[in-house]
């Protein structure tokens, strides 16, 4: 299995923390934020389920720019072989 060595940037990690602390954040945004933070300082990669969620977010007009930024970050850290 091919590994993706990308890590979440400080800017995205800050956005993710704000998203998790905001009472108005959607469940989808919170899931993406948690995934992004889990990949900040570890070798963890995006799961297939989160890849699918991130792809749907990026293809939808329903989500705001912050949620799309989290989705893009999570998707960029996906397993290269999938």
C-alpha atoms as a PDB file:
ATOM      1  CA  UNK A   1       0.000   0.000   0.000  1.00  0.00           C
ATOM      2  CA  UNK A   2       1.363   3.375  -0.971  1.00  0.00           C
ATOM      3  CA  UNK A   3       1.706   5.903   1.823  1.00  0.00           C
ATOM      4  CA  UNK A   4       0.918   9.581   1.593  1.00  0.00           C
ATOM      5  CA  UNK A   5       3.305  11.533   3.818  1.00  0.00           C
ATOM      6  CA  UNK A   6       1.437  14.843   3.707  1.00  0.00           C
ATOM      7  CA  UNK A   7       0.441  16.392   7.028  1.00  0.00           C
ATOM      8  CA  UNK A   8      -2.177  18.978   7.954  1.00  0.00           C
ATOM      9  CA  UNK A   9      -0.809  22.527   7.829  1.00  0.00           C
ATOM     10  CA  UNK A  10      -0.948  24.876  10.785  1.00  0.00           C
ATOM     11  CA  UNK A  11      -3.519  27.054   9.032  1.00  0.00           C
ATOM     12  CA  UNK A  12      -5.864  24.126   8.426  1.00  0.00           C
ATOM     13  CA  UNK A  13      -5.285  22.792  11.951  1.00  0.00           C
ATOM     14  CA  UNK A  14      -6.350  26.168  13.355  1.00  0.00           C
ATOM     15  CA  UNK A  15      -9.429  26.172  11.145  1.00  0.00           C
ATOM     16  CA  UNK A  16     -10.213  22.623  12.260  1.00  0.00           C
ATOM     17  CA  UNK A  17      -9.928  23.580  15.941  1.00  0.00           C
ATOM     18  CA  UNK A  18     -12.268  26.538  15.431  1.00  0.00           C
ATOM     19  CA  UNK A  19     -14.706  24.291  13.570  1.00  0.00           C
ATOM     20  CA  UNK A  20     -14.751  21.747  16.384  1.00  0.00           C
ATOM     21  CA  UNK A  21     -15.280  24.462  18.990  1.00  0.00           C
ATOM     22  CA  UNK A  22     -18.075  26.204  17.108  1.00  0.00           C
ATOM     23  CA  UNK A  23     -21.601  25.246  18.176  1.00  0.00           C
ATOM     24  CA  UNK A  24     -22.889  26.099  14.702  1.00  0.00           C
ATOM     25  CA  UNK A  25     -20.586  23.755  12.758  1.00  0.00           C
ATOM     26  CA  UNK A  26     -22.302  20.951  10.870  1.00  0.00           C
ATOM     27  CA  UNK A  27     -21.637  17.299  11.616  1.00  0.00           C
ATOM     28  CA  UNK A  28     -19.884  16.996   8.253  1.00  0.00           C
ATOM     29  CA  UNK A  29     -17.599  19.948   8.989  1.00  0.00           C
ATOM     30  CA  UNK A  30     -16.800  18.505  12.418  1.00  0.00           C
ATOM     31  CA  UNK A  31     -15.927  15.107  10.907  1.00  0.00           C
ATOM     32  CA  UNK A  32     -13.614  16.689   8.374  1.00  0.00           C
ATOM     33  CA  UNK A  33     -12.040  18.860  11.081  1.00  0.00           C
ATOM     34  CA  UNK A  34     -11.417  15.847  13.304  1.00  0.00           C
ATOM     35  CA  UNK A  35      -9.849  13.944  10.425  1.00  0.00           C
ATOM     36  CA  UNK A  36      -7.604  16.888   9.564  1.00  0.00           C
ATOM     37  CA  UNK A  37      -6.452  17.275  13.168  1.00  0.00           C
ATOM     38  CA  UNK A  38      -5.797  13.545  13.474  1.00  0.00           C
ATOM     39  CA  UNK A  39      -3.331  13.912  10.590  1.00  0.00           C
ATOM     40  CA  UNK A  40      -1.489  16.952  11.983  1.00  0.00           C
ATOM     41  CA  UNK A  41       1.485  15.216  13.601  1.00  0.00           C
ATOM     42  CA  UNK A  42       1.016  11.554  12.793  1.00  0.00           C
ATOM     43  CA  UNK A  43       1.384   9.130   9.909  1.00  0.00           C
ATOM     44  CA  UNK A  44      -2.384   8.579   9.761  1.00  0.00           C
ATOM     45  CA  UNK A  45      -4.057   8.789   6.368  1.00  0.00           C
ATOM     46  CA  UNK A  46      -7.582   9.618   5.304  1.00  0.00           C
ATOM     47  CA  UNK A  47     -10.001   6.689   5.421  1.00  0.00           C
ATOM     48  CA  UNK A  48     -11.986   5.639   2.368  1.00  0.00           C
ATOM     49  CA  UNK A  49     -15.163   6.865   4.084  1.00  0.00           C
ATOM     50  CA  UNK A  50     -13.689  10.323   4.708  1.00  0.00           C
ATOM     51  CA  UNK A  51     -12.389  10.436   1.124  1.00  0.00           C
ATOM     52  CA  UNK A  52     -15.946   9.924  -0.083  1.00  0.00           C
ATOM     53  CA  UNK A  53     -17.320  12.573   2.288  1.00  0.00           C
ATOM     54  CA  UNK A  54     -14.645  15.082   1.274  1.00  0.00           C
ATOM     55  CA  UNK A  55     -15.332  14.464  -2.405  1.00  0.00           C
ATOM     56  CA  UNK A  56     -19.049  15.083  -1.926  1.00  0.00           C
ATOM     57  CA  UNK A  57     -18.360  18.316  -0.026  1.00  0.00           C
ATOM     58  CA  UNK A  58     -16.085  19.628  -2.759  1.00  0.00           C
ATOM     59  CA  UNK A  59     -18.675  18.820  -5.414  1.00  0.00           C
ATOM     60  CA  UNK A  60     -21.554  20.517  -3.613  1.00  0.00           C
ATOM     61  CA  UNK A  61     -22.736  24.120  -3.409  1.00  0.00           C
ATOM     62  CA  UNK A  62     -24.210  23.418   0.032  1.00  0.00           C
ATOM     63  CA  UNK A  63     -20.947  23.871   1.991  1.00  0.00           C
ATOM     64  CA  UNK A  64     -19.021  27.036   2.819  1.00  0.00           C
ATOM     65  CA  UNK A  65     -15.400  27.790   1.949  1.00  0.00           C
ATOM     66  CA  UNK A  66     -14.067  26.701   5.343  1.00  0.00           C
ATOM     67  CA  UNK A  67     -15.684  23.282   5.083  1.00  0.00           C
ATOM     68  CA  UNK A  68     -14.377  22.929   1.534  1.00  0.00           C
ATOM     69  CA  UNK A  69     -10.865  23.867   2.708  1.00  0.00           C
ATOM     70  CA  UNK A  70     -11.029  21.114   5.328  1.00  0.00           C
ATOM     71  CA  UNK A  71     -12.320  18.670   2.702  1.00  0.00           C
ATOM     72  CA  UNK A  72      -9.506  19.548   0.309  1.00  0.00           C
ATOM     73  CA  UNK A  73      -6.905  19.048   3.017  1.00  0.00           C
ATOM     74  CA  UNK A  74      -8.347  15.699   4.055  1.00  0.00           C
ATOM     75  CA  UNK A  75      -8.579  14.546   0.455  1.00  0.00           C
ATOM     76  CA  UNK A  76      -4.979  15.578  -0.278  1.00  0.00           C
ATOM     77  CA  UNK A  77      -3.857  13.261   2.533  1.00  0.00           C
ATOM     78  CA  UNK A  78      -5.645  10.229   1.141  1.00  0.00           C
ATOM     79  CA  UNK A  79      -3.917   6.962   0.344  1.00  0.00           C
ATOM     80  CA  UNK A  80      -2.364   7.285  -3.103  1.00  0.00           C
ATOM     81  CA  UNK A  81      -3.273   3.729  -4.081  1.00  0.00           C
ATOM     82  CA  UNK A  82      -7.034   4.224  -3.684  1.00  0.00           C
END
